[in-house]
Amino acid sequence: MKFREEKFDTIKIKTGSEEDVTKAIEEISVTHIIIDMQYGFTVDRDSVMWYSVLIIARKK
């Protein structure tokens, strides 16, 4: 069985709060399908910056 190769995009959202992520997801899901979502963080001296990584594909 052959599958069409889908083109996925990855976007990174700096997460100030959960509401930020929810709002961003609502906006993105109008034009894109969210395939996967991951969290990560970077540590810079004293501050920790959280971010969400969304893997998205454009809706047909």
Protein backbone atom coordinates (compact mmCIF):
# COMPACT_ATOMS: atom_id res chain seq x y z
CA MET A 1 0.00 0.00 0.00
CA LYS A 2 1.36 3.41 -0.93
CA PHE A 3 0.97 6.49 1.16
CA ARG A 4 1.24 10.01 -0.10
CA GLU A 5 4.02 11.84 1.58
CA GLU A 6 2.58 14.62 3.71
CA LYS A 7 4.51 17.78 4.34
CA PHE A 8 4.71 18.58 8.02
CA ASP A 9 5.74 21.88 9.52
CA THR A 10 7.12 22.36 12.98
CA ILE A 11 6.48 25.48 14.97
CA LYS A 12 7.76 26.42 18.37
CA ILE A 13 5.64 28.45 20.78
CA LYS A 14 7.24 30.12 23.75
CA THR A 15 4.84 29.32 26.53
CA GLY A 16 4.21 32.03 29.02
CA SER A 17 1.15 30.19 30.23
CA GLU A 18 -1.23 27.42 29.33
CA GLU A 19 -3.68 30.00 27.97
CA ASP A 20 -1.05 31.17 25.48
CA VAL A 21 -0.72 27.65 24.12
CA THR A 22 -4.46 27.08 24.00
CA LYS A 23 -4.99 30.35 22.14
CA ALA A 24 -2.21 29.57 19.67
CA ILE A 25 -3.59 26.08 19.06
CA GLU A 26 -7.07 27.48 18.39
CA GLU A 27 -5.65 29.89 15.82
CA ILE A 28 -3.48 27.27 14.14
CA SER A 29 -6.19 24.61 14.01
CA VAL A 30 -8.27 26.81 11.71
CA THR A 31 -5.87 26.18 8.84
CA HIS A 32 -3.77 23.25 10.07
CA ILE A 33 -4.13 19.83 11.60
CA ILE A 34 -2.04 19.31 14.70
CA ILE A 35 -0.25 15.97 14.43
CA ASP A 36 1.83 16.02 17.56
CA MET A 37 2.72 18.28 20.44
CA GLN A 38 5.80 18.18 22.62
CA TYR A 39 7.15 20.29 25.44
CA GLY A 40 10.68 21.33 26.14
CA PHE A 41 12.63 23.95 27.96
CA THR A 42 15.88 25.82 27.69
CA VAL A 43 17.83 27.07 30.67
CA ASP A 44 19.57 30.40 30.28
CA ARG A 45 21.54 31.43 33.36
CA ASP A 46 18.82 31.85 35.99
CA SER A 47 15.72 31.68 33.84
CA VAL A 48 13.97 28.67 32.41
CA MET A 49 12.10 29.17 29.14
CA TRP A 50 9.39 26.65 28.38
CA TYR A 51 8.15 26.07 24.89
CA SER A 52 5.75 23.83 23.04
CA VAL A 53 6.63 22.27 19.74
CA LEU A 54 3.69 21.60 17.44
CA ILE A 55 4.00 19.41 14.40
CA ILE A 56 1.35 20.57 11.98
CA ALA A 57 0.11 19.85 8.48
CA ARG A 58 -1.93 22.17 6.30
CA LYS A 59 -5.55 21.15 5.86
CA LYS A 60 -6.55 20.24 2.34
